[in-house]
């Protein structure tokens, strides 16, 4: 699964182009997943159009927090659990302006790894 995500990010990076005027850099064409104008083109129309679904929802952006290494019980460094409990939650990616740099192809690949590796839930300690 991870390899598939890395391949997807690499495919996005493959569609990069240089901007006119001598400015170069990575500017991938990223498809819009929830583009209201594009969704009807992806759906098969029903025989009776009044029954076609309307998309009036918005999936909220889930923030990605800084994570720390997980050790097997009894194998963590001395004091690690206590130190970890003292750390403040730190957002590294959200829709409020926190995001990693996205200037080079390697940055896009690393960003894909961050999203893929981000936990989908949290366990209480």
PDB file of N, CA and C in Angstrom:
ATOM      1  N   UNK A   1       0.821  -1.188   0.000  1.00  0.00           N
ATOM      2  CA  UNK A   1       0.000   0.000   0.000  1.00  0.00           C
ATOM      3  C   UNK A   1       0.871   1.260   0.000  1.00  0.00           C
ATOM      4  N   UNK A   2       1.937   1.222   0.808  1.00  0.00           N
ATOM      5  CA  UNK A   2       2.828   2.373   0.868  1.00  0.00           C
ATOM      6  C   UNK A   2       3.479   2.612  -0.482  1.00  0.00           C
ATOM      7  N   UNK A   3       3.879   1.536  -1.148  1.00  0.00           N
ATOM      8  CA  UNK A   3       4.485   1.674  -2.472  1.00  0.00           C
ATOM      9  C   UNK A   3       3.511   2.296  -3.463  1.00  0.00           C
ATOM     10  N   UNK A   4       2.213   1.937  -3.335  1.00  0.00           N
ATOM     11  CA  UNK A   4       1.199   2.506  -4.232  1.00  0.00           C
ATOM     12  C   UNK A   4       1.082   4.011  -4.018  1.00  0.00           C
ATOM     13  N   UNK A   5       1.133   4.464  -2.742  1.00  0.00           N
ATOM     14  CA  UNK A   5       1.048   5.889  -2.465  1.00  0.00           C
ATOM     15  C   UNK A   5       2.265   6.618  -3.005  1.00  0.00           C
ATOM     16  N   UNK A   6       3.434   6.032  -2.820  1.00  0.00           N
ATOM     17  CA  UNK A   6       4.658   6.657  -3.324  1.00  0.00           C
ATOM     18  C   UNK A   6       4.609   6.738  -4.847  1.00  0.00           C
ATOM     19  N   UNK A   7       4.062   5.698  -5.489  1.00  0.00           N
ATOM     20  CA  UNK A   7       3.930   5.737  -6.949  1.00  0.00           C
ATOM     21  C   UNK A   7       2.954   6.827  -7.376  1.00  0.00           C
ATOM     22  N   UNK A   8       1.857   7.023  -6.600  1.00  0.00           N
ATOM     23  CA  UNK A   8       0.885   8.067  -6.917  1.00  0.00           C
ATOM     24  C   UNK A   8       1.525   9.440  -6.805  1.00  0.00           C
ATOM     25  N   UNK A   9       2.267   9.668  -5.722  1.00  0.00           N
ATOM     26  CA  UNK A   9       2.945  10.950  -5.550  1.00  0.00           C
ATOM     27  C   UNK A   9       3.962  11.145  -6.664  1.00  0.00           C
ATOM     28  N   UNK A  10       4.674  10.077  -7.022  1.00  0.00           N
ATOM     29  CA  UNK A  10       5.647  10.176  -8.113  1.00  0.00           C
ATOM     30  C   UNK A  10       4.967  10.495  -9.437  1.00  0.00           C
ATOM     31  N   UNK A  11       3.771   9.926  -9.660  1.00  0.00           N
ATOM     32  CA  UNK A  11       3.032  10.214 -10.887  1.00  0.00           C
ATOM     33  C   UNK A  11       2.639  11.681 -10.935  1.00  0.00           C
ATOM     34  N   UNK A  12       2.237  12.229  -9.785  1.00  0.00           N
ATOM     35  CA  UNK A  12       1.913  13.658  -9.744  1.00  0.00           C
ATOM     36  C   UNK A  12       3.150  14.480 -10.067  1.00  0.00           C
ATOM     37  N   UNK A  13       4.286  14.041  -9.524  1.00  0.00           N
ATOM     38  CA  UNK A  13       5.524  14.769  -9.768  1.00  0.00           C
ATOM     39  C   UNK A  13       5.957  14.655 -11.229  1.00  0.00           C
ATOM     40  N   UNK A  14       5.591  13.572 -11.890  1.00  0.00           N
ATOM     41  CA  UNK A  14       5.976  13.389 -13.287  1.00  0.00           C
ATOM     42  C   UNK A  14       5.289  14.391 -14.199  1.00  0.00           C
ATOM     43  N   UNK A  15       4.157  14.944 -13.738  1.00  0.00           N
ATOM     44  CA  UNK A  15       3.430  15.899 -14.572  1.00  0.00           C
ATOM     45  C   UNK A  15       3.856  17.336 -14.298  1.00  0.00           C
ATOM     46  N   UNK A  16       5.021  17.512 -13.694  1.00  0.00           N
ATOM     47  CA  UNK A  16       5.504  18.844 -13.360  1.00  0.00           C
ATOM     48  C   UNK A  16       5.971  19.578 -14.609  1.00  0.00           C
ATOM     49  N   UNK A  17       5.931  20.879 -14.526  1.00  0.00           N
ATOM     50  CA  UNK A  17       6.366  21.677 -15.655  1.00  0.00           C
ATOM     51  C   UNK A  17       7.083  22.917 -15.157  1.00  0.00           C
ATOM     52  N   UNK A  18       7.902  23.514 -16.024  1.00  0.00           N
ATOM     53  CA  UNK A  18       8.582  24.758 -15.685  1.00  0.00           C
ATOM     54  C   UNK A  18       7.684  25.916 -16.076  1.00  0.00           C
ATOM     55  N   UNK A  19       7.658  26.948 -15.225  1.00  0.00           N
ATOM     56  CA  UNK A  19       6.830  28.111 -15.519  1.00  0.00           C
ATOM     57  C   UNK A  19       7.538  28.995 -16.541  1.00  0.00           C
ATOM     58  N   UNK A  20       6.741  29.701 -17.362  1.00  0.00           N
ATOM     59  CA  UNK A  20       7.353  30.614 -18.322  1.00  0.00           C
ATOM     60  C   UNK A  20       8.085  31.737 -17.591  1.00  0.00           C
ATOM     61  N   UNK A  21       9.024  32.332 -18.275  1.00  0.00           N
ATOM     62  CA  UNK A  21       9.754  33.449 -17.706  1.00  0.00           C
ATOM     63  C   UNK A  21      10.984  33.026 -16.929  1.00  0.00           C
ATOM     64  N   UNK A  22      11.403  31.801 -17.098  1.00  0.00           N
ATOM     65  CA  UNK A  22      12.627  31.368 -16.456  1.00  0.00           C
ATOM     66  C   UNK A  22      12.442  30.797 -15.055  1.00  0.00           C
ATOM     67  N   UNK A  23      11.273  30.985 -14.450  1.00  0.00           N
ATOM     68  CA  UNK A  23      11.056  30.416 -13.124  1.00  0.00           C
ATOM     69  C   UNK A  23      10.827  28.927 -13.255  1.00  0.00           C
ATOM     70  N   UNK A  24      11.585  28.179 -12.528  1.00  0.00           N
ATOM     71  CA  UNK A  24      11.402  26.732 -12.556  1.00  0.00           C
ATOM     72  C   UNK A  24      11.022  26.277 -11.165  1.00  0.00           C
ATOM     73  N   UNK A  25      10.542  25.086 -11.086  1.00  0.00           N
ATOM     74  CA  UNK A  25      10.152  24.523  -9.801  1.00  0.00           C
ATOM     75  C   UNK A  25       9.112  23.463 -10.039  1.00  0.00           C
ATOM     76  N   UNK A  26       8.731  22.825  -8.986  1.00  0.00           N
ATOM     77  CA  UNK A  26       7.749  21.760  -9.089  1.00  0.00           C
ATOM     78  C   UNK A  26       6.359  22.323  -8.872  1.00  0.00           C
ATOM     79  N   UNK A  27       5.497  22.119  -9.827  1.00  0.00           N
ATOM     80  CA  UNK A  27       4.113  22.556  -9.762  1.00  0.00           C
ATOM     81  C   UNK A  27       3.240  21.438 -10.328  1.00  0.00           C
ATOM     82  N   UNK A  28       2.995  20.385  -9.537  1.00  0.00           N
ATOM     83  CA  UNK A  28       2.239  19.250 -10.060  1.00  0.00           C
ATOM     84  C   UNK A  28       0.779  19.603 -10.284  1.00  0.00           C
ATOM     85  N   UNK A  29       0.185  18.945 -11.255  1.00  0.00           N
ATOM     86  CA  UNK A  29      -1.256  19.072 -11.466  1.00  0.00           C
ATOM     87  C   UNK A  29      -1.934  18.092 -10.526  1.00  0.00           C
ATOM     88  N   UNK A  30      -2.597  18.616  -9.518  1.00  0.00           N
ATOM     89  CA  UNK A  30      -3.233  17.773  -8.522  1.00  0.00           C
ATOM     90  C   UNK A  30      -4.733  17.759  -8.803  1.00  0.00           C
ATOM     91  N   UNK A  31      -5.295  16.593  -9.064  1.00  0.00           N
ATOM     92  CA  UNK A  31      -6.724  16.542  -9.346  1.00  0.00           C
ATOM     93  C   UNK A  31      -7.532  16.910  -8.110  1.00  0.00           C
ATOM     94  N   UNK A  32      -8.630  17.637  -8.332  1.00  0.00           N
ATOM     95  CA  UNK A  32      -9.517  17.999  -7.231  1.00  0.00           C
ATOM     96  C   UNK A  32     -10.461  16.839  -6.964  1.00  0.00           C
ATOM     97  N   UNK A  33     -10.412  16.328  -5.759  1.00  0.00           N
ATOM     98  CA  UNK A  33     -11.228  15.170  -5.409  1.00  0.00           C
ATOM     99  C   UNK A  33     -12.687  15.545  -5.226  1.00  0.00           C
ATOM    100  N   UNK A  34     -12.946  16.682  -4.598  1.00  0.00           N
ATOM    101  CA  UNK A  34     -14.324  17.076  -4.299  1.00  0.00           C
ATOM    102  C   UNK A  34     -14.720  18.311  -5.095  1.00  0.00           C
ATOM    103  N   UNK A  35     -14.438  18.332  -6.361  1.00  0.00           N
ATOM    104  CA  UNK A  35     -14.817  19.441  -7.226  1.00  0.00           C
ATOM    105  C   UNK A  35     -16.271  19.237  -7.658  1.00  0.00           C
ATOM    106  N   UNK A  36     -17.179  20.111  -7.172  1.00  0.00           N
ATOM    107  CA  UNK A  36     -18.609  19.949  -7.442  1.00  0.00           C
ATOM    108  C   UNK A  36     -18.938  19.935  -8.934  1.00  0.00           C
ATOM    109  N   UNK A  37     -18.177  20.682  -9.728  1.00  0.00           N
ATOM    110  CA  UNK A  37     -18.448  20.709 -11.160  1.00  0.00           C
ATOM    111  C   UNK A  37     -18.005  19.418 -11.846  1.00  0.00           C
ATOM    112  N   UNK A  38     -16.987  18.743 -11.285  1.00  0.00           N
ATOM    113  CA  UNK A  38     -16.462  17.537 -11.914  1.00  0.00           C
ATOM    114  C   UNK A  38     -17.191  16.267 -11.493  1.00  0.00           C
ATOM    115  N   UNK A  39     -17.806  16.269 -10.318  1.00  0.00           N
ATOM    116  CA  UNK A  39     -18.456  15.051  -9.810  1.00  0.00           C
ATOM    117  C   UNK A  39     -19.545  14.535 -10.751  1.00  0.00           C
ATOM    118  N   UNK A  40     -20.419  15.392 -11.297  1.00  0.00           N
ATOM    119  CA  UNK A  40     -21.449  14.858 -12.209  1.00  0.00           C
ATOM    120  C   UNK A  40     -20.872  14.151 -13.437  1.00  0.00           C
ATOM    121  N   UNK A  41     -19.673  14.529 -13.856  1.00  0.00           N
ATOM    122  CA  UNK A  41     -19.061  13.873 -15.015  1.00  0.00           C
ATOM    123  C   UNK A  41     -18.558  12.473 -14.646  1.00  0.00           C
ATOM    124  N   UNK A  42     -18.392  12.194 -13.351  1.00  0.00           N
ATOM    125  CA  UNK A  42     -17.902  10.901 -12.901  1.00  0.00           C
ATOM    126  C   UNK A  42     -19.034   9.926 -12.585  1.00  0.00           C
ATOM    127  N   UNK A  43     -20.255  10.442 -12.456  1.00  0.00           N
ATOM    128  CA  UNK A  43     -21.390   9.604 -12.081  1.00  0.00           C
ATOM    129  C   UNK A  43     -22.173   9.169 -13.319  1.00  0.00           C
ATOM    130  N   UNK A  44     -22.747   8.009 -13.217  1.00  0.00           N
ATOM    131  CA  UNK A  44     -23.636   7.534 -14.274  1.00  0.00           C
ATOM    132  C   UNK A  44     -25.013   8.121 -13.989  1.00  0.00           C
ATOM    133  N   UNK A  45     -25.593   8.862 -14.934  1.00  0.00           N
ATOM    134  CA  UNK A  45     -26.882   9.492 -14.666  1.00  0.00           C
ATOM    135  C   UNK A  45     -27.997   8.450 -14.502  1.00  0.00           C
ATOM    136  N   UNK A  46     -28.910   8.763 -13.615  1.00  0.00           N
ATOM    137  CA  UNK A  46     -30.053   7.886 -13.405  1.00  0.00           C
ATOM    138  C   UNK A  46     -31.096   8.118 -14.495  1.00  0.00           C
ATOM    139  N   UNK A  47     -31.984   7.156 -14.685  1.00  0.00           N
ATOM    140  CA  UNK A  47     -33.042   7.305 -15.684  1.00  0.00           C
ATOM    141  C   UNK A  47     -33.926   8.504 -15.344  1.00  0.00           C
ATOM    142  N   UNK A  48     -34.195   8.696 -14.071  1.00  0.00           N
ATOM    143  CA  UNK A  48     -34.970   9.850 -13.624  1.00  0.00           C
ATOM    144  C   UNK A  48     -34.001  10.801 -12.909  1.00  0.00           C
ATOM    145  N   UNK A  49     -33.600  11.916 -13.543  1.00  0.00           N
ATOM    146  CA  UNK A  49     -32.593  12.809 -12.982  1.00  0.00           C
ATOM    147  C   UNK A  49     -32.977  13.407 -11.628  1.00  0.00           C
ATOM    148  N   UNK A  50     -34.259  13.445 -11.289  1.00  0.00           N
ATOM    149  CA  UNK A  50     -34.639  14.013  -9.995  1.00  0.00           C
ATOM    150  C   UNK A  50     -34.142  13.152  -8.839  1.00  0.00           C
ATOM    151  N   UNK A  51     -33.809  11.890  -9.117  1.00  0.00           N
ATOM    152  CA  UNK A  51     -33.304  11.012  -8.070  1.00  0.00           C
ATOM    153  C   UNK A  51     -31.788  11.012  -7.939  1.00  0.00           C
ATOM    154  N   UNK A  52     -31.108  11.795  -8.783  1.00  0.00           N
ATOM    155  CA  UNK A  52     -29.650  11.843  -8.714  1.00  0.00           C
ATOM    156  C   UNK A  52     -29.207  12.476  -7.398  1.00  0.00           C
ATOM    157  N   UNK A  53     -28.133  11.970  -6.820  1.00  0.00           N
ATOM    158  CA  UNK A  53     -27.683  12.506  -5.530  1.00  0.00           C
ATOM    159  C   UNK A  53     -27.156  13.933  -5.656  1.00  0.00           C
ATOM    160  N   UNK A  54     -27.325  14.680  -4.604  1.00  0.00           N
ATOM    161  CA  UNK A  54     -26.765  16.030  -4.498  1.00  0.00           C
ATOM    162  C   UNK A  54     -25.661  15.969  -3.455  1.00  0.00           C
ATOM    163  N   UNK A  55     -24.553  16.613  -3.731  1.00  0.00           N
ATOM    164  CA  UNK A  55     -23.399  16.563  -2.842  1.00  0.00           C
ATOM    165  C   UNK A  55     -23.322  17.867  -2.050  1.00  0.00           C
ATOM    166  N   UNK A  56     -23.907  17.848  -0.868  1.00  0.00           N
ATOM    167  CA  UNK A  56     -23.940  19.049  -0.030  1.00  0.00           C
ATOM    168  C   UNK A  56     -23.106  18.883   1.228  1.00  0.00           C
ATOM    169  N   UNK A  57     -22.106  18.093   1.200  1.00  0.00           N
ATOM    170  CA  UNK A  57     -21.313  17.857   2.393  1.00  0.00           C
ATOM    171  C   UNK A  57     -19.863  18.244   2.131  1.00  0.00           C
ATOM    172  N   UNK A  58     -19.165  18.403   3.211  1.00  0.00           N
ATOM    173  CA  UNK A  58     -17.742  18.711   3.106  1.00  0.00           C
ATOM    174  C   UNK A  58     -17.018  17.806   4.096  1.00  0.00           C
ATOM    175  N   UNK A  59     -16.045  17.094   3.618  1.00  0.00           N
ATOM    176  CA  UNK A  59     -15.238  16.246   4.482  1.00  0.00           C
ATOM    177  C   UNK A  59     -14.238  17.158   5.189  1.00  0.00           C
ATOM    178  N   UNK A  60     -14.265  17.196   6.522  1.00  0.00           N
ATOM    179  CA  UNK A  60     -13.321  18.083   7.219  1.00  0.00           C
ATOM    180  C   UNK A  60     -11.886  17.584   7.074  1.00  0.00           C
ATOM    181  N   UNK A  61     -10.968  18.513   7.066  1.00  0.00           N
ATOM    182  CA  UNK A  61      -9.560  18.176   6.974  1.00  0.00           C
ATOM    183  C   UNK A  61      -9.097  17.693   8.348  1.00  0.00           C
ATOM    184  N   UNK A  62      -8.502  16.520   8.377  1.00  0.00           N
ATOM    185  CA  UNK A  62      -8.001  15.971   9.637  1.00  0.00           C
ATOM    186  C   UNK A  62      -6.558  16.437   9.803  1.00  0.00           C
ATOM    187  N   UNK A  63      -6.259  17.159  10.893  1.00  0.00           N
ATOM    188  CA  UNK A  63      -4.876  17.612  11.069  1.00  0.00           C
ATOM    189  C   UNK A  63      -3.944  16.434  11.323  1.00  0.00           C
ATOM    190  N   UNK A  64      -2.696  16.611  10.929  1.00  0.00           N
ATOM    191  CA  UNK A  64      -1.668  15.600  11.179  1.00  0.00           C
ATOM    192  C   UNK A  64      -0.730  16.180  12.226  1.00  0.00           C
ATOM    193  N   UNK A  65      -0.537  15.419  13.297  1.00  0.00           N
ATOM    194  CA  UNK A  65       0.298  15.862  14.399  1.00  0.00           C
ATOM    195  C   UNK A  65       1.684  15.225  14.320  1.00  0.00           C
ATOM    196  N   UNK A  66       2.644  15.896  14.935  1.00  0.00           N
ATOM    197  CA  UNK A  66       3.995  15.343  15.025  1.00  0.00           C
ATOM    198  C   UNK A  66       3.906  14.028  15.788  1.00  0.00           C
ATOM    199  N   UNK A  67       4.621  13.035  15.296  1.00  0.00           N
ATOM    200  CA  UNK A  67       4.613  11.735  15.964  1.00  0.00           C
ATOM    201  C   UNK A  67       6.023  11.421  16.477  1.00  0.00           C
ATOM    202  N   UNK A  68       6.067  10.458  17.357  1.00  0.00           N
ATOM    203  CA  UNK A  68       7.319  10.061  17.981  1.00  0.00           C
ATOM    204  C   UNK A  68       7.488   8.554  17.846  1.00  0.00           C
ATOM    205  N   UNK A  69       8.711   8.053  17.976  1.00  0.00           N
ATOM    206  CA  UNK A  69       8.931   6.608  17.842  1.00  0.00           C
ATOM    207  C   UNK A  69       8.146   5.807  18.876  1.00  0.00           C
ATOM    208  N   UNK A  70       7.707   4.620  18.476  1.00  0.00           N
ATOM    209  CA  UNK A  70       7.015   3.699  19.364  1.00  0.00           C
ATOM    210  C   UNK A  70       7.963   2.543  19.647  1.00  0.00           C
ATOM    211  N   UNK A  71       8.136   2.244  20.906  1.00  0.00           N
ATOM    212  CA  UNK A  71       9.037   1.170  21.320  1.00  0.00           C
ATOM    213  C   UNK A  71       8.221   0.024  21.910  1.00  0.00           C
ATOM    214  N   UNK A  72       8.745  -1.176  21.822  1.00  0.00           N
ATOM    215  CA  UNK A  72       8.125  -2.326  22.470  1.00  0.00           C
ATOM    216  C   UNK A  72       8.188  -2.097  23.980  1.00  0.00           C
ATOM    217  N   UNK A  73       7.172  -2.549  24.721  1.00  0.00           N
ATOM    218  CA  UNK A  73       7.188  -2.349  26.173  1.00  0.00           C
ATOM    219  C   UNK A  73       8.486  -2.866  26.788  1.00  0.00           C
ATOM    220  N   UNK A  74       9.084  -2.019  27.619  1.00  0.00           N
ATOM    221  CA  UNK A  74      10.323  -2.390  28.286  1.00  0.00           C
ATOM    222  C   UNK A  74      11.580  -2.106  27.479  1.00  0.00           C
ATOM    223  N   UNK A  75      11.440  -1.647  26.229  1.00  0.00           N
ATOM    224  CA  UNK A  75      12.605  -1.375  25.383  1.00  0.00           C
ATOM    225  C   UNK A  75      12.779   0.109  25.062  1.00  0.00           C
ATOM    226  N   UNK A  76      11.928   0.957  25.637  1.00  0.00           N
ATOM    227  CA  UNK A  76      12.055   2.386  25.388  1.00  0.00           C
ATOM    228  C   UNK A  76      13.220   2.949  26.210  1.00  0.00           C
ATOM    229  N   UNK A  77      13.786   4.077  25.773  1.00  0.00           N
ATOM    230  CA  UNK A  77      14.875   4.692  26.541  1.00  0.00           C
ATOM    231  C   UNK A  77      14.383   5.074  27.943  1.00  0.00           C
ATOM    232  N   UNK A  78      15.268   5.145  28.905  1.00  0.00           N
ATOM    233  CA  UNK A  78      14.868   5.512  30.271  1.00  0.00           C
ATOM    234  C   UNK A  78      14.173   6.878  30.302  1.00  0.00           C
ATOM    235  N   UNK A  79      13.016   6.953  30.934  1.00  0.00           N
ATOM    236  CA  UNK A  79      12.277   8.205  31.070  1.00  0.00           C
ATOM    237  C   UNK A  79      11.508   8.629  29.836  1.00  0.00           C
ATOM    238  N   UNK A  80      11.513   7.818  28.795  1.00  0.00           N
ATOM    239  CA  UNK A  80      10.882   8.196  27.521  1.00  0.00           C
ATOM    240  C   UNK A  80       9.387   8.449  27.670  1.00  0.00           C
ATOM    241  N   UNK A  81       8.680   7.562  28.371  1.00  0.00           N
ATOM    242  CA  UNK A  81       7.232   7.709  28.515  1.00  0.00           C
ATOM    243  C   UNK A  81       6.892   8.991  29.260  1.00  0.00           C
ATOM    244  N   UNK A  82       7.623   9.292  30.342  1.00  0.00           N
ATOM    245  CA  UNK A  82       7.365  10.529  31.089  1.00  0.00           C
ATOM    246  C   UNK A  82       7.667  11.756  30.228  1.00  0.00           C
ATOM    247  N   UNK A  83       8.765  11.697  29.486  1.00  0.00           N
ATOM    248  CA  UNK A  83       9.111  12.809  28.591  1.00  0.00           C
ATOM    249  C   UNK A  83       8.038  13.003  27.531  1.00  0.00           C
ATOM    250  N   UNK A  84       7.556  11.900  26.981  1.00  0.00           N
ATOM    251  CA  UNK A  84       6.539  11.957  25.935  1.00  0.00           C
ATOM    252  C   UNK A  84       5.244  12.585  26.455  1.00  0.00           C
ATOM    253  N   UNK A  85       4.864  12.269  27.681  1.00  0.00           N
ATOM    254  CA  UNK A  85       3.638  12.838  28.278  1.00  0.00           C
ATOM    255  C   UNK A  85       3.743  14.345  28.471  1.00  0.00           C
ATOM    256  N   UNK A  86       4.945  14.873  28.554  1.00  0.00           N
ATOM    257  CA  UNK A  86       5.136  16.307  28.762  1.00  0.00           C
ATOM    258  C   UNK A  86       5.130  17.097  27.449  1.00  0.00           C
ATOM    259  N   UNK A  87       5.148  16.425  26.323  1.00  0.00           N
ATOM    260  CA  UNK A  87       5.206  17.112  25.034  1.00  0.00           C
ATOM    261  C   UNK A  87       3.831  17.664  24.658  1.00  0.00           C
ATOM    262  N   UNK A  88       3.811  18.877  24.155  1.00  0.00           N
ATOM    263  CA  UNK A  88       2.585  19.489  23.654  1.00  0.00           C
ATOM    264  C   UNK A  88       2.276  18.926  22.269  1.00  0.00           C
ATOM    265  N   UNK A  89       0.989  18.807  21.960  1.00  0.00           N
ATOM    266  CA  UNK A  89       0.601  18.381  20.611  1.00  0.00           C
ATOM    267  C   UNK A  89       1.064  19.448  19.620  1.00  0.00           C
ATOM    268  N   UNK A  90       1.673  19.010  18.531  1.00  0.00           N
ATOM    269  CA  UNK A  90       2.211  19.934  17.542  1.00  0.00           C
ATOM    270  C   UNK A  90       1.667  19.568  16.170  1.00  0.00           C
ATOM    271  N   UNK A  91       0.866  20.464  15.584  1.00  0.00           N
ATOM    272  CA  UNK A  91       0.294  20.233  14.260  1.00  0.00           C
ATOM    273  C   UNK A  91       1.368  20.472  13.216  1.00  0.00           C
ATOM    274  N   UNK A  92       1.554  19.488  12.324  1.00  0.00           N
ATOM    275  CA  UNK A  92       2.528  19.685  11.244  1.00  0.00           C
ATOM    276  C   UNK A  92       1.846  19.879   9.891  1.00  0.00           C
ATOM    277  N   UNK A  93       0.532  19.521   9.800  1.00  0.00           N
ATOM    278  CA  UNK A  93      -0.180  19.726   8.540  1.00  0.00           C
ATOM    279  C   UNK A  93      -1.674  19.834   8.817  1.00  0.00           C
ATOM    280  N   UNK A  94      -2.275  20.910   8.327  1.00  0.00           N
ATOM    281  CA  UNK A  94      -3.719  21.098   8.440  1.00  0.00           C
ATOM    282  C   UNK A  94      -4.163  22.096   7.378  1.00  0.00           C
ATOM    283  N   UNK A  95      -5.417  22.530   7.454  1.00  0.00           N
ATOM    284  CA  UNK A  95      -5.903  23.497   6.464  1.00  0.00           C
ATOM    285  C   UNK A  95      -5.821  24.932   6.976  1.00  0.00           C
ATOM    286  N   UNK A  96      -5.097  25.145   8.068  1.00  0.00           N
ATOM    287  CA  UNK A  96      -4.949  26.482   8.637  1.00  0.00           C
ATOM    288  C   UNK A  96      -3.549  27.055   8.392  1.00  0.00           C
ATOM    289  N   UNK A  97      -2.834  26.491   7.446  1.00  0.00           N
ATOM    290  CA  UNK A  97      -1.534  27.042   7.082  1.00  0.00           C
ATOM    291  C   UNK A  97      -0.325  26.230   7.493  1.00  0.00           C
ATOM    292  N   UNK A  98      -0.508  25.205   8.301  1.00  0.00           N
ATOM    293  CA  UNK A  98       0.620  24.346   8.655  1.00  0.00           C
ATOM    294  C   UNK A  98       0.812  23.333   7.535  1.00  0.00           C
ATOM    295  N   UNK A  99       2.001  23.286   6.976  1.00  0.00           N
ATOM    296  CA  UNK A  99       2.306  22.274   5.971  1.00  0.00           C
ATOM    297  C   UNK A  99       3.806  22.200   5.765  1.00  0.00           C
ATOM    298  N   UNK A 100       4.287  21.041   5.345  1.00  0.00           N
ATOM    299  CA  UNK A 100       5.719  20.925   5.054  1.00  0.00           C
ATOM    300  C   UNK A 100       6.042  21.673   3.764  1.00  0.00           C
ATOM    301  N   UNK A 101       7.315  21.960   3.525  1.00  0.00           N
ATOM    302  CA  UNK A 101       7.669  22.621   2.263  1.00  0.00           C
ATOM    303  C   UNK A 101       7.358  21.702   1.088  1.00  0.00           C
ATOM    304  N   UNK A 102       6.856  22.287  -0.003  1.00  0.00           N
ATOM    305  CA  UNK A 102       6.505  21.523  -1.202  1.00  0.00           C
ATOM    306  C   UNK A 102       7.142  22.186  -2.423  1.00  0.00           C
ATOM    307  N   UNK A 103       8.462  22.253  -2.430  1.00  0.00           N
ATOM    308  CA  UNK A 103       9.163  22.942  -3.506  1.00  0.00           C
ATOM    309  C   UNK A 103       9.880  22.001  -4.463  1.00  0.00           C
ATOM    310  N   UNK A 104      10.329  20.861  -3.964  1.00  0.00           N
ATOM    311  CA  UNK A 104      11.096  19.928  -4.781  1.00  0.00           C
ATOM    312  C   UNK A 104      10.359  18.598  -4.867  1.00  0.00           C
ATOM    313  N   UNK A 105      10.761  17.788  -5.809  1.00  0.00           N
ATOM    314  CA  UNK A 105      10.142  16.471  -5.964  1.00  0.00           C
ATOM    315  C   UNK A 105      10.281  15.653  -4.679  1.00  0.00           C
ATOM    316  N   UNK A 106      11.426  15.737  -4.041  1.00  0.00           N
ATOM    317  CA  UNK A 106      11.642  14.997  -2.788  1.00  0.00           C
ATOM    318  C   UNK A 106      10.691  15.468  -1.696  1.00  0.00           C
ATOM    319  N   UNK A 107      10.353  16.780  -1.696  1.00  0.00           N
ATOM    320  CA  UNK A 107       9.399  17.310  -0.713  1.00  0.00           C
ATOM    321  C   UNK A 107       8.020  16.682  -0.909  1.00  0.00           C
ATOM    322  N   UNK A 108       7.587  16.529  -2.154  1.00  0.00           N
ATOM    323  CA  UNK A 108       6.284  15.927  -2.451  1.00  0.00           C
ATOM    324  C   UNK A 108       6.263  14.456  -2.042  1.00  0.00           C
ATOM    325  N   UNK A 109       7.356  13.767  -2.269  1.00  0.00           N
ATOM    326  CA  UNK A 109       7.427  12.351  -1.877  1.00  0.00           C
ATOM    327  C   UNK A 109       7.370  12.235  -0.362  1.00  0.00           C
ATOM    328  N   UNK A 110       8.122  13.074   0.346  1.00  0.00           N
ATOM    329  CA  UNK A 110       8.117  13.065   1.809  1.00  0.00           C
ATOM    330  C   UNK A 110       6.720  13.417   2.342  1.00  0.00           C
ATOM    331  N   UNK A 111       6.046  14.374   1.692  1.00  0.00           N
ATOM    332  CA  UNK A 111       4.692  14.746   2.109  1.00  0.00           C
ATOM    333  C   UNK A 111       3.735  13.563   1.955  1.00  0.00           C
ATOM    334  N   UNK A 112       3.880  12.808   0.873  1.00  0.00           N
ATOM    335  CA  UNK A 112       3.055  11.619   0.695  1.00  0.00           C
ATOM    336  C   UNK A 112       3.305  10.598   1.790  1.00  0.00           C
ATOM    337  N   UNK A 113       4.553  10.456   2.200  1.00  0.00           N
ATOM    338  CA  UNK A 113       4.875   9.538   3.294  1.00  0.00           C
ATOM    339  C   UNK A 113       4.265  10.015   4.605  1.00  0.00           C
ATOM    340  N   UNK A 114       4.288  11.327   4.853  1.00  0.00           N
ATOM    341  CA  UNK A 114       3.702  11.874   6.080  1.00  0.00           C
ATOM    342  C   UNK A 114       2.209  11.557   6.137  1.00  0.00           C
ATOM    343  N   UNK A 115       1.509  11.786   5.025  1.00  0.00           N
ATOM    344  CA  UNK A 115       0.069  11.525   4.990  1.00  0.00           C
ATOM    345  C   UNK A 115      -0.204  10.033   5.137  1.00  0.00           C
ATOM    346  N   UNK A 116       0.557   9.213   4.441  1.00  0.00           N
ATOM    347  CA  UNK A 116       0.335   7.770   4.494  1.00  0.00           C
ATOM    348  C   UNK A 116       0.607   7.210   5.888  1.00  0.00           C
ATOM    349  N   UNK A 117       1.659   7.690   6.547  1.00  0.00           N
ATOM    350  CA  UNK A 117       2.061   7.172   7.849  1.00  0.00           C
ATOM    351  C   UNK A 117       1.291   7.783   9.015  1.00  0.00           C
ATOM    352  N   UNK A 118       0.511   8.843   8.771  1.00  0.00           N
ATOM    353  CA  UNK A 118      -0.212   9.500   9.863  1.00  0.00           C
ATOM    354  C   UNK A 118      -1.244   8.546  10.457  1.00  0.00           C
ATOM    355  N   UNK A 119      -1.340   8.515  11.788  1.00  0.00           N
ATOM    356  CA  UNK A 119      -2.317   7.631  12.414  1.00  0.00           C
ATOM    357  C   UNK A 119      -3.739   8.102  12.113  1.00  0.00           C
ATOM    358  N   UNK A 120      -4.660   7.167  12.078  1.00  0.00           N
ATOM    359  CA  UNK A 120      -6.067   7.511  11.846  1.00  0.00           C
ATOM    360  C   UNK A 120      -6.834   7.591  13.154  1.00  0.00           C
ATOM    361  N   UNK A 121      -6.196   7.286  14.242  1.00  0.00           N
ATOM    362  CA  UNK A 121      -6.811   7.373  15.573  1.00  0.00           C
ATOM    363  C   UNK A 121      -5.715   7.417  16.617  1.00  0.00           C
ATOM    364  N   UNK A 122      -6.108   7.700  17.837  1.00  0.00           N
ATOM    365  CA  UNK A 122      -5.138   7.817  18.909  1.00  0.00           C
ATOM    366  C   UNK A 122      -5.582   6.976  20.091  1.00  0.00           C
ATOM    367  N   UNK A 123      -4.621   6.342  20.744  1.00  0.00           N
ATOM    368  CA  UNK A 123      -4.888   5.567  21.939  1.00  0.00           C
ATOM    369  C   UNK A 123      -4.540   6.424  23.151  1.00  0.00           C
ATOM    370  N   UNK A 124      -5.359   6.362  24.167  1.00  0.00           N
ATOM    371  CA  UNK A 124      -5.054   7.057  25.398  1.00  0.00           C
ATOM    372  C   UNK A 124      -3.941   6.344  26.144  1.00  0.00           C
ATOM    373  N   UNK A 125      -3.112   7.103  26.828  1.00  0.00           N
ATOM    374  CA  UNK A 125      -1.999   6.499  27.582  1.00  0.00           C
ATOM    375  C   UNK A 125      -2.351   6.499  29.043  1.00  0.00           C
TER     376      UNK A 125
END
